[in-house]
Amino acid sequence: MTMTLETPALERPETRDRSASNRRWQRFARPALGVVLPLTLALAWELAVWSGWSNGRLVPPPSRVFATIMELARSGELWRHITTTLSRVAAGFGLGVVTGTLLGAISGYWGIARRLLDPTVQALRAIPSIAWVPLFILWLGIFETSKVALIAVGVFFPVYLGVMGAILSVDRKIVEVGRTFRLSGPAMIRRILLPAVLPAYVVALRVGLGLGWMFVVAAEFMGASEGLGYLLIDGQQLGKPAQILAAITIFALLGKTTDWLIELITTPLLRWQDAFRPGGET
């Protein structure tokens, strides 16, 4: 009887240590898996150019792209372009999120507002981003205001749709429970609608941020003299494919970093979810 009681007590700390070690390993191994594919492709292209299968003139190898990035960084030019683009994306993202969240919540919560607003918003959503450029230049000029407005337009639509769709998809039974407990309007929003909407809202923010990075390129085509979009245009005009690929690489890194930041910030707000984790993830 003594052996039966003591054996689990001895095994439990070992099991906990093994579980903690596995979690630490997974915490580092999972992000590392994400860089396997791009590193493999970069290495394959580097070897192809090195072995003479391609001259690397139009598509430079990663070593040449990296050297271009280092050259821009040493001159201080790279940081100026990155800072300019980041400030534009941040301003446009903030403006698009605020307006998209407010109008999406209004359209989702009140049926009459949805019937008034949603047809117009859906029609505007079909307009290509480049079509806004001449109009914004005419209205707002060629400087920062028009660029931020264009980015905000790109962010607005996915946030609006995400919020409105999430509110409309809230389980009616949960709302009925709130009404049974006679929750007020603000209490219904805070205790029932907001937790139900939050997962879809986070996805909408990430989609909106991705479109914000896409729209900033179109925005920086509007007579910009600074920014990563300007680097793209400058590389095209001067015939510098390495500079073009360097700008694209930096866009990808910044986009992934900002997306990861949103995911990191919102993860504590979604810990209550008992969601499906594929492949045994925890």
C-alpha atoms as a PDB file:
ATOM      1  CA  MET A   1       0.000   0.000   0.000  1.00  0.00           C
ATOM      2  CA  THR A   2       2.892   2.313   0.831  1.00  0.00           C
ATOM      3  CA  MET A   3       4.522   1.610  -2.527  1.00  0.00           C
ATOM      4  CA  THR A   4       1.258   2.393  -4.341  1.00  0.00           C
ATOM      5  CA  LEU A   5       0.975   5.793  -2.679  1.00  0.00           C
ATOM      6  CA  GLU A   6       4.622   6.816  -2.966  1.00  0.00           C
ATOM      7  CA  THR A   7       5.266   5.903  -6.616  1.00  0.00           C
ATOM      8  CA  PRO A   8       2.947   8.554  -8.132  1.00  0.00           C
ATOM      9  CA  ALA A   9       4.408  11.088  -5.716  1.00  0.00           C
ATOM     10  CA  LEU A  10       7.884  10.283  -7.027  1.00  0.00           C
ATOM     11  CA  GLU A  11       6.835  10.277 -10.679  1.00  0.00           C
ATOM     12  CA  ARG A  12       4.826  13.491 -10.614  1.00  0.00           C
ATOM     13  CA  PRO A  13       7.781  15.971 -10.470  1.00  0.00           C
ATOM     14  CA  GLU A  14       9.556  14.113 -13.289  1.00  0.00           C
ATOM     15  CA  THR A  15       6.425  14.267 -15.416  1.00  0.00           C
ATOM     16  CA  ARG A  16       6.063  17.989 -14.710  1.00  0.00           C
ATOM     17  CA  ASP A  17       9.725  18.628 -15.612  1.00  0.00           C
ATOM     18  CA  ARG A  18       9.354  16.692 -18.842  1.00  0.00           C
ATOM     19  CA  SER A  19       6.165  18.587 -19.717  1.00  0.00           C
ATOM     20  CA  ALA A  20       7.832  21.943 -18.987  1.00  0.00           C
ATOM     21  CA  SER A  21      10.835  20.973 -21.099  1.00  0.00           C
ATOM     22  CA  ASN A  22       8.559  19.983 -23.986  1.00  0.00           C
ATOM     23  CA  ARG A  23       6.727  23.308 -23.767  1.00  0.00           C
ATOM     24  CA  ARG A  24      10.004  25.246 -23.826  1.00  0.00           C
ATOM     25  CA  TRP A  25      11.170  23.263 -26.842  1.00  0.00           C
ATOM     26  CA  GLN A  26       7.883  23.871 -28.678  1.00  0.00           C
ATOM     27  CA  ARG A  27       8.047  27.596 -27.882  1.00  0.00           C
ATOM     28  CA  PHE A  28      11.320  27.905 -29.796  1.00  0.00           C
ATOM     29  CA  ALA A  29      10.818  25.167 -32.400  1.00  0.00           C
ATOM     30  CA  ARG A  30       7.496  26.378 -33.787  1.00  0.00           C
ATOM     31  CA  PRO A  31       8.672  29.885 -34.785  1.00  0.00           C
ATOM     32  CA  ALA A  32      11.846  28.373 -36.229  1.00  0.00           C
ATOM     33  CA  LEU A  33       9.779  26.210 -38.581  1.00  0.00           C
ATOM     34  CA  GLY A  34       8.402  29.370 -40.188  1.00  0.00           C
ATOM     35  CA  VAL A  35      11.811  30.391 -41.559  1.00  0.00           C
ATOM     36  CA  VAL A  36      12.673  26.997 -43.053  1.00  0.00           C
ATOM     37  CA  LEU A  37      10.894  27.586 -46.368  1.00  0.00           C
ATOM     38  CA  PRO A  38      12.219  31.132 -47.123  1.00  0.00           C
ATOM     39  CA  LEU A  39      15.751  30.173 -46.076  1.00  0.00           C
ATOM     40  CA  THR A  40      15.625  27.056 -48.245  1.00  0.00           C
ATOM     41  CA  LEU A  41      14.451  29.037 -51.275  1.00  0.00           C
ATOM     42  CA  ALA A  42      17.085  31.728 -50.678  1.00  0.00           C
ATOM     43  CA  LEU A  43      19.840  29.150 -50.362  1.00  0.00           C
ATOM     44  CA  ALA A  44      18.662  27.329 -53.496  1.00  0.00           C
ATOM     45  CA  TRP A  45      18.729  30.535 -55.540  1.00  0.00           C
ATOM     46  CA  GLU A  46      22.142  31.488 -54.147  1.00  0.00           C
ATOM     47  CA  LEU A  47      23.496  28.107 -55.212  1.00  0.00           C
ATOM     48  CA  ALA A  48      21.866  28.425 -58.642  1.00  0.00           C
ATOM     49  CA  VAL A  49      23.625  31.752 -59.296  1.00  0.00           C
ATOM     50  CA  TRP A  50      26.918  30.548 -57.783  1.00  0.00           C
ATOM     51  CA  SER A  51      26.917  27.429 -59.987  1.00  0.00           C
ATOM     52  CA  GLY A  52      26.242  29.465 -63.145  1.00  0.00           C
ATOM     53  CA  TRP A  53      22.687  28.264 -63.833  1.00  0.00           C
ATOM     54  CA  SER A  54      21.617  31.924 -63.773  1.00  0.00           C
ATOM     55  CA  ASN A  55      23.554  35.162 -64.106  1.00  0.00           C
ATOM     56  CA  GLY A  56      21.479  36.773 -61.331  1.00  0.00           C
ATOM     57  CA  ARG A  57      21.148  40.031 -63.239  1.00  0.00           C
ATOM     58  CA  LEU A  58      17.358  40.425 -63.099  1.00  0.00           C
ATOM     59  CA  VAL A  59      16.863  38.359 -59.918  1.00  0.00           C
ATOM     60  CA  PRO A  60      19.966  38.970 -57.778  1.00  0.00           C
ATOM     61  CA  PRO A  61      21.004  36.299 -55.262  1.00  0.00           C
ATOM     62  CA  PRO A  62      20.280  36.844 -51.571  1.00  0.00           C
ATOM     63  CA  SER A  63      23.925  37.746 -50.866  1.00  0.00           C
ATOM     64  CA  ARG A  64      23.701  40.710 -53.234  1.00  0.00           C
ATOM     65  CA  VAL A  65      20.337  41.781 -51.793  1.00  0.00           C
ATOM     66  CA  PHE A  66      21.785  41.574 -48.272  1.00  0.00           C
ATOM     67  CA  ALA A  67      24.792  43.650 -49.348  1.00  0.00           C
ATOM     68  CA  THR A  68      22.418  46.300 -50.739  1.00  0.00           C
ATOM     69  CA  ILE A  69      20.513  46.403 -47.440  1.00  0.00           C
ATOM     70  CA  MET A  70      23.764  46.802 -45.519  1.00  0.00           C
ATOM     71  CA  GLU A  71      24.906  49.574 -47.842  1.00  0.00           C
ATOM     72  CA  LEU A  72      21.631  51.452 -47.361  1.00  0.00           C
ATOM     73  CA  ALA A  73      21.839  50.931 -43.605  1.00  0.00           C
ATOM     74  CA  ARG A  74      25.411  52.241 -43.363  1.00  0.00           C
ATOM     75  CA  SER A  75      24.483  55.387 -45.262  1.00  0.00           C
ATOM     76  CA  GLY A  76      21.528  56.009 -42.923  1.00  0.00           C
ATOM     77  CA  GLU A  77      19.157  56.086 -45.878  1.00  0.00           C
ATOM     78  CA  LEU A  78      17.455  52.813 -44.957  1.00  0.00           C
ATOM     79  CA  TRP A  79      16.387  53.920 -41.472  1.00  0.00           C
ATOM     80  CA  ARG A  80      14.921  57.146 -42.846  1.00  0.00           C
ATOM     81  CA  HIS A  81      12.814  55.233 -45.367  1.00  0.00           C
ATOM     82  CA  ILE A  82      11.710  52.651 -42.787  1.00  0.00           C
ATOM     83  CA  THR A  83      10.730  55.319 -40.253  1.00  0.00           C
ATOM     84  CA  THR A  84       8.746  57.244 -42.850  1.00  0.00           C
ATOM     85  CA  THR A  85       6.848  54.179 -44.043  1.00  0.00           C
ATOM     86  CA  LEU A  86       6.183  52.955 -40.494  1.00  0.00           C
ATOM     87  CA  SER A  87       4.770  56.330 -39.450  1.00  0.00           C
ATOM     88  CA  ARG A  88       2.444  56.368 -42.462  1.00  0.00           C
ATOM     89  CA  VAL A  89       1.229  52.824 -41.832  1.00  0.00           C
ATOM     90  CA  ALA A  90       0.718  53.520 -38.113  1.00  0.00           C
ATOM     91  CA  ALA A  91      -1.314  56.665 -38.772  1.00  0.00           C
ATOM     92  CA  GLY A  92      -3.402  55.076 -41.521  1.00  0.00           C
ATOM     93  CA  PHE A  93      -3.909  51.887 -39.509  1.00  0.00           C
ATOM     94  CA  GLY A  94      -5.077  53.805 -36.451  1.00  0.00           C
ATOM     95  CA  LEU A  95      -7.516  55.914 -38.460  1.00  0.00           C
ATOM     96  CA  GLY A  96      -8.856  52.922 -40.387  1.00  0.00           C
ATOM     97  CA  VAL A  97      -9.290  50.807 -37.234  1.00  0.00           C
ATOM     98  CA  VAL A  98     -11.184  53.529 -35.361  1.00  0.00           C
ATOM     99  CA  THR A  99     -13.612  54.303 -38.193  1.00  0.00           C
ATOM    100  CA  GLY A 100     -14.008  50.654 -39.203  1.00  0.00           C
ATOM    101  CA  THR A 101     -14.704  49.560 -35.631  1.00  0.00           C
ATOM    102  CA  LEU A 102     -17.241  52.310 -34.977  1.00  0.00           C
ATOM    103  CA  LEU A 103     -19.183  51.915 -38.220  1.00  0.00           C
ATOM    104  CA  GLY A 104     -18.959  48.111 -38.090  1.00  0.00           C
ATOM    105  CA  ALA A 105     -20.312  48.055 -34.533  1.00  0.00           C
ATOM    106  CA  ILE A 106     -23.116  50.450 -35.447  1.00  0.00           C
ATOM    107  CA  SER A 107     -24.073  48.438 -38.537  1.00  0.00           C
ATOM    108  CA  GLY A 108     -23.920  45.161 -36.665  1.00  0.00           C
ATOM    109  CA  TYR A 109     -25.873  46.275 -33.583  1.00  0.00           C
ATOM    110  CA  TRP A 110     -28.621  48.343 -35.191  1.00  0.00           C
ATOM    111  CA  GLY A 111     -30.525  46.915 -38.136  1.00  0.00           C
ATOM    112  CA  ILE A 112     -31.674  50.249 -39.522  1.00  0.00           C
ATOM    113  CA  ALA A 113     -28.105  51.581 -39.510  1.00  0.00           C
ATOM    114  CA  ARG A 114     -26.967  48.444 -41.369  1.00  0.00           C
ATOM    115  CA  ARG A 115     -29.624  48.950 -44.034  1.00  0.00           C
ATOM    116  CA  LEU A 116     -28.543  52.583 -44.419  1.00  0.00           C
ATOM    117  CA  LEU A 117     -24.748  52.182 -44.309  1.00  0.00           C
ATOM    118  CA  ASP A 118     -23.855  48.738 -45.552  1.00  0.00           C
ATOM    119  CA  PRO A 119     -24.910  49.027 -49.241  1.00  0.00           C
ATOM    120  CA  THR A 120     -22.797  52.163 -49.654  1.00  0.00           C
ATOM    121  CA  VAL A 121     -19.799  50.643 -47.870  1.00  0.00           C
ATOM    122  CA  GLN A 122     -19.996  47.477 -49.955  1.00  0.00           C
ATOM    123  CA  ALA A 123     -20.115  49.534 -53.151  1.00  0.00           C
ATOM    124  CA  LEU A 124     -17.082  51.577 -52.090  1.00  0.00           C
ATOM    125  CA  ARG A 125     -15.214  48.401 -51.142  1.00  0.00           C
ATOM    126  CA  ALA A 126     -15.270  47.285 -54.776  1.00  0.00           C
ATOM    127  CA  ILE A 127     -13.308  50.345 -55.925  1.00  0.00           C
ATOM    128  CA  PRO A 128      -9.648  49.483 -56.658  1.00  0.00           C
ATOM    129  CA  SER A 129      -7.097  51.147 -54.396  1.00  0.00           C
ATOM    130  CA  ILE A 130      -5.324  52.863 -57.268  1.00  0.00           C
ATOM    131  CA  ALA A 131      -8.601  54.564 -58.259  1.00  0.00           C
ATOM    132  CA  TRP A 132      -8.547  56.588 -55.022  1.00  0.00           C
ATOM    133  CA  VAL A 133      -5.114  58.050 -55.771  1.00  0.00           C
ATOM    134  CA  PRO A 134      -6.070  60.864 -58.194  1.00  0.00           C
ATOM    135  CA  LEU A 135      -9.093  61.781 -56.090  1.00  0.00           C
ATOM    136  CA  PHE A 136      -7.090  62.019 -52.857  1.00  0.00           C
ATOM    137  CA  ILE A 137      -4.389  64.048 -54.589  1.00  0.00           C
ATOM    138  CA  LEU A 138      -7.072  66.436 -55.866  1.00  0.00           C
ATOM    139  CA  TRP A 139      -8.766  66.713 -52.464  1.00  0.00           C
ATOM    140  CA  LEU A 140      -5.859  66.471 -50.019  1.00  0.00           C
ATOM    141  CA  GLY A 141      -2.780  67.370 -52.025  1.00  0.00           C
ATOM    142  CA  ILE A 142       0.314  65.313 -52.680  1.00  0.00           C
ATOM    143  CA  PHE A 143       1.731  65.344 -49.152  1.00  0.00           C
ATOM    144  CA  GLU A 144       1.214  63.140 -46.075  1.00  0.00           C
ATOM    145  CA  THR A 145      -2.539  63.607 -45.608  1.00  0.00           C
ATOM    146  CA  SER A 146      -3.453  61.918 -48.882  1.00  0.00           C
ATOM    147  CA  LYS A 147      -1.062  59.021 -48.194  1.00  0.00           C
ATOM    148  CA  VAL A 148      -2.450  58.377 -44.721  1.00  0.00           C
ATOM    149  CA  ALA A 149      -6.018  58.614 -46.042  1.00  0.00           C
ATOM    150  CA  LEU A 150      -5.315  55.985 -48.713  1.00  0.00           C
ATOM    151  CA  ILE A 151      -3.838  53.581 -46.149  1.00  0.00           C
ATOM    152  CA  ALA A 152      -6.827  54.186 -43.851  1.00  0.00           C
ATOM    153  CA  VAL A 153      -9.186  53.235 -46.691  1.00  0.00           C
ATOM    154  CA  GLY A 154      -7.375  49.927 -47.118  1.00  0.00           C
ATOM    155  CA  VAL A 155      -7.563  49.162 -43.392  1.00  0.00           C
ATOM    156  CA  PHE A 156     -11.158  50.309 -42.962  1.00  0.00           C
ATOM    157  CA  PHE A 157     -13.010  47.726 -45.047  1.00  0.00           C
ATOM    158  CA  PRO A 158     -11.754  44.458 -43.476  1.00  0.00           C
ATOM    159  CA  VAL A 159     -12.150  45.894 -39.974  1.00  0.00           C
ATOM    160  CA  TYR A 160     -15.677  47.099 -40.748  1.00  0.00           C
ATOM    161  CA  LEU A 161     -16.690  43.742 -42.241  1.00  0.00           C
ATOM    162  CA  GLY A 162     -15.025  41.792 -39.438  1.00  0.00           C
ATOM    163  CA  VAL A 163     -16.783  43.704 -36.668  1.00  0.00           C
ATOM    164  CA  MET A 164     -20.190  43.744 -38.331  1.00  0.00           C
ATOM    165  CA  GLY A 165     -20.004  40.076 -39.313  1.00  0.00           C
ATOM    166  CA  ALA A 166     -18.828  39.037 -35.854  1.00  0.00           C
ATOM    167  CA  ILE A 167     -21.708  40.849 -34.149  1.00  0.00           C
ATOM    168  CA  LEU A 168     -24.253  39.339 -36.538  1.00  0.00           C
ATOM    169  CA  SER A 169     -22.846  35.849 -35.931  1.00  0.00           C
ATOM    170  CA  VAL A 170     -23.139  35.999 -32.127  1.00  0.00           C
ATOM    171  CA  ASP A 171     -25.208  33.056 -30.875  1.00  0.00           C
ATOM    172  CA  ARG A 172     -28.777  34.223 -30.306  1.00  0.00           C
ATOM    173  CA  LYS A 173     -29.115  31.956 -27.268  1.00  0.00           C
ATOM    174  CA  ILE A 174     -26.313  33.832 -25.486  1.00  0.00           C
ATOM    175  CA  VAL A 175     -28.029  37.137 -26.152  1.00  0.00           C
ATOM    176  CA  GLU A 176     -31.308  35.720 -24.841  1.00  0.00           C
ATOM    177  CA  VAL A 177     -29.523  34.710 -21.639  1.00  0.00           C
ATOM    178  CA  GLY A 178     -28.370  38.311 -21.233  1.00  0.00           C
ATOM    179  CA  ARG A 179     -31.889  39.566 -21.742  1.00  0.00           C
ATOM    180  CA  THR A 180     -33.189  37.015 -19.248  1.00  0.00           C
ATOM    181  CA  PHE A 181     -30.811  38.474 -16.652  1.00  0.00           C
ATOM    182  CA  ARG A 182     -32.029  41.938 -17.701  1.00  0.00           C
ATOM    183  CA  LEU A 183     -28.632  43.268 -18.671  1.00  0.00           C
ATOM    184  CA  SER A 184     -28.580  46.860 -19.805  1.00  0.00           C
ATOM    185  CA  GLY A 185     -27.332  47.829 -23.267  1.00  0.00           C
ATOM    186  CA  PRO A 186     -23.771  48.666 -22.132  1.00  0.00           C
ATOM    187  CA  ALA A 187     -23.647  45.566 -19.923  1.00  0.00           C
ATOM    188  CA  MET A 188     -24.846  43.405 -22.830  1.00  0.00           C
ATOM    189  CA  ILE A 189     -22.058  44.789 -25.012  1.00  0.00           C
ATOM    190  CA  ARG A 190     -19.369  44.429 -22.321  1.00  0.00           C
ATOM    191  CA  ARG A 191     -20.258  40.995 -20.972  1.00  0.00           C
ATOM    192  CA  ILE A 192     -21.692  39.167 -23.982  1.00  0.00           C
ATOM    193  CA  LEU A 193     -21.074  40.841 -27.336  1.00  0.00           C
ATOM    194  CA  LEU A 194     -17.498  41.969 -26.763  1.00  0.00           C
ATOM    195  CA  PRO A 195     -16.093  38.539 -25.738  1.00  0.00           C
ATOM    196  CA  ALA A 196     -17.988  36.876 -28.592  1.00  0.00           C
ATOM    197  CA  VAL A 197     -16.741  39.393 -31.162  1.00  0.00           C
ATOM    198  CA  LEU A 198     -13.129  39.625 -30.005  1.00  0.00           C
ATOM    199  CA  PRO A 199     -11.657  36.563 -31.842  1.00  0.00           C
ATOM    200  CA  ALA A 200     -13.052  37.690 -35.204  1.00  0.00           C
ATOM    201  CA  TYR A 201     -12.009  41.270 -34.437  1.00  0.00           C
ATOM    202  CA  VAL A 202      -8.390  40.209 -33.956  1.00  0.00           C
ATOM    203  CA  VAL A 203      -8.458  38.446 -37.330  1.00  0.00           C
ATOM    204  CA  ALA A 204      -9.943  41.588 -38.911  1.00  0.00           C
ATOM    205  CA  LEU A 205      -7.155  43.697 -37.409  1.00  0.00           C
ATOM    206  CA  ARG A 206      -4.511  41.400 -38.869  1.00  0.00           C
ATOM    207  CA  VAL A 207      -6.151  41.427 -42.297  1.00  0.00           C
ATOM    208  CA  GLY A 208      -6.496  45.215 -42.136  1.00  0.00           C
ATOM    209  CA  LEU A 209      -2.844  45.603 -41.197  1.00  0.00           C
ATOM    210  CA  GLY A 210      -1.809  43.443 -44.149  1.00  0.00           C
ATOM    211  CA  LEU A 211      -3.850  45.622 -46.493  1.00  0.00           C
ATOM    212  CA  GLY A 212      -2.361  48.701 -44.862  1.00  0.00           C
ATOM    213  CA  TRP A 213       1.112  47.509 -45.880  1.00  0.00           C
ATOM    214  CA  MET A 214      -0.154  46.872 -49.395  1.00  0.00           C
ATOM    215  CA  PHE A 215      -1.811  50.280 -49.667  1.00  0.00           C
ATOM    216  CA  VAL A 216       1.262  52.124 -48.402  1.00  0.00           C
ATOM    217  CA  VAL A 217       3.058  51.167 -51.607  1.00  0.00           C
ATOM    218  CA  ALA A 218       0.313  52.778 -53.687  1.00  0.00           C
ATOM    219  CA  ALA A 219       0.374  55.753 -51.308  1.00  0.00           C
ATOM    220  CA  GLU A 220       4.116  56.219 -51.714  1.00  0.00           C
ATOM    221  CA  PHE A 221       3.739  56.225 -55.475  1.00  0.00           C
ATOM    222  CA  MET A 222       2.029  59.607 -55.038  1.00  0.00           C
ATOM    223  CA  GLY A 223       5.087  61.799 -55.421  1.00  0.00           C
ATOM    224  CA  ALA A 224       6.901  60.532 -52.312  1.00  0.00           C
ATOM    225  CA  SER A 225      10.580  61.333 -51.823  1.00  0.00           C
ATOM    226  CA  GLU A 226      10.972  59.020 -48.810  1.00  0.00           C
ATOM    227  CA  GLY A 227       9.719  55.598 -47.833  1.00  0.00           C
ATOM    228  CA  LEU A 228      10.163  52.010 -48.920  1.00  0.00           C
ATOM    229  CA  GLY A 229       7.772  52.568 -51.814  1.00  0.00           C
ATOM    230  CA  TYR A 230      10.083  55.316 -53.023  1.00  0.00           C
ATOM    231  CA  LEU A 231      12.962  52.809 -52.900  1.00  0.00           C
ATOM    232  CA  LEU A 232      10.954  50.520 -55.183  1.00  0.00           C
ATOM    233  CA  ILE A 233      10.316  53.286 -57.707  1.00  0.00           C
ATOM    234  CA  ASP A 234      13.904  54.508 -57.506  1.00  0.00           C
ATOM    235  CA  GLY A 235      15.203  50.988 -58.103  1.00  0.00           C
ATOM    236  CA  GLN A 236      12.917  50.570 -61.099  1.00  0.00           C
ATOM    237  CA  GLN A 237      13.890  53.878 -62.689  1.00  0.00           C
ATOM    238  CA  LEU A 238      17.622  53.367 -62.159  1.00  0.00           C
ATOM    239  CA  GLY A 239      17.611  49.678 -63.090  1.00  0.00           C
ATOM    240  CA  LYS A 240      18.593  48.348 -59.655  1.00  0.00           C
ATOM    241  CA  PRO A 241      16.871  44.986 -59.141  1.00  0.00           C
ATOM    242  CA  ALA A 242      18.852  44.362 -55.935  1.00  0.00           C
ATOM    243  CA  GLN A 243      17.392  47.545 -54.431  1.00  0.00           C
ATOM    244  CA  ILE A 244      13.877  46.521 -55.473  1.00  0.00           C
ATOM    245  CA  LEU A 245      14.269  43.097 -53.838  1.00  0.00           C
ATOM    246  CA  ALA A 246      15.816  44.727 -50.762  1.00  0.00           C
ATOM    247  CA  ALA A 247      12.748  46.963 -50.371  1.00  0.00           C
ATOM    248  CA  ILE A 248      10.409  43.985 -50.884  1.00  0.00           C
ATOM    249  CA  THR A 249      12.338  41.964 -48.278  1.00  0.00           C
ATOM    250  CA  ILE A 250      12.097  44.787 -45.746  1.00  0.00           C
ATOM    251  CA  PHE A 251       8.378  45.139 -46.458  1.00  0.00           C
ATOM    252  CA  ALA A 252       7.957  41.419 -45.733  1.00  0.00           C
ATOM    253  CA  LEU A 253       9.965  41.592 -42.493  1.00  0.00           C
ATOM    254  CA  LEU A 254       8.149  44.675 -41.214  1.00  0.00           C
ATOM    255  CA  GLY A 255       4.764  43.255 -42.153  1.00  0.00           C
ATOM    256  CA  LYS A 256       5.440  39.984 -40.358  1.00  0.00           C
ATOM    257  CA  THR A 257       6.835  41.771 -37.300  1.00  0.00           C
ATOM    258  CA  THR A 258       3.817  44.059 -36.925  1.00  0.00           C
ATOM    259  CA  ASP A 259       1.433  41.137 -37.461  1.00  0.00           C
ATOM    260  CA  TRP A 260       3.292  39.208 -34.747  1.00  0.00           C
ATOM    261  CA  LEU A 261       2.975  42.205 -32.414  1.00  0.00           C
ATOM    262  CA  ILE A 262      -0.807  42.272 -32.849  1.00  0.00           C
ATOM    263  CA  GLU A 263      -0.937  38.537 -32.199  1.00  0.00           C
ATOM    264  CA  LEU A 264       1.265  38.928 -29.117  1.00  0.00           C
ATOM    265  CA  ILE A 265      -0.759  41.822 -27.688  1.00  0.00           C
ATOM    266  CA  THR A 266      -4.132  40.157 -28.208  1.00  0.00           C
ATOM    267  CA  THR A 267      -3.205  36.644 -27.046  1.00  0.00           C
ATOM    268  CA  PRO A 268      -3.866  37.393 -23.336  1.00  0.00           C
ATOM    269  CA  LEU A 269      -7.357  38.639 -24.271  1.00  0.00           C
ATOM    270  CA  LEU A 270      -8.204  35.296 -25.903  1.00  0.00           C
ATOM    271  CA  ARG A 271      -6.898  32.874 -23.290  1.00  0.00           C
ATOM    272  CA  TRP A 272     -10.465  32.022 -22.293  1.00  0.00           C
ATOM    273  CA  GLN A 273     -11.011  30.308 -25.665  1.00  0.00           C
ATOM    274  CA  ASP A 274     -11.164  26.528 -25.607  1.00  0.00           C
ATOM    275  CA  ALA A 275     -10.445  26.326 -29.326  1.00  0.00           C
ATOM    276  CA  PHE A 276      -9.291  23.418 -31.465  1.00  0.00           C
ATOM    277  CA  ARG A 277      -5.491  23.138 -31.705  1.00  0.00           C
ATOM    278  CA  PRO A 278      -4.400  21.130 -34.750  1.00  0.00           C
ATOM    279  CA  GLY A 279      -1.566  18.676 -34.334  1.00  0.00           C
ATOM    280  CA  GLY A 280      -1.844  18.588 -30.557  1.00  0.00           C
ATOM    281  CA  GLU A 281      -0.777  22.224 -30.063  1.00  0.00           C
ATOM    282  CA  THR A 282      -1.368  23.736 -26.656  1.00  0.00           C
END
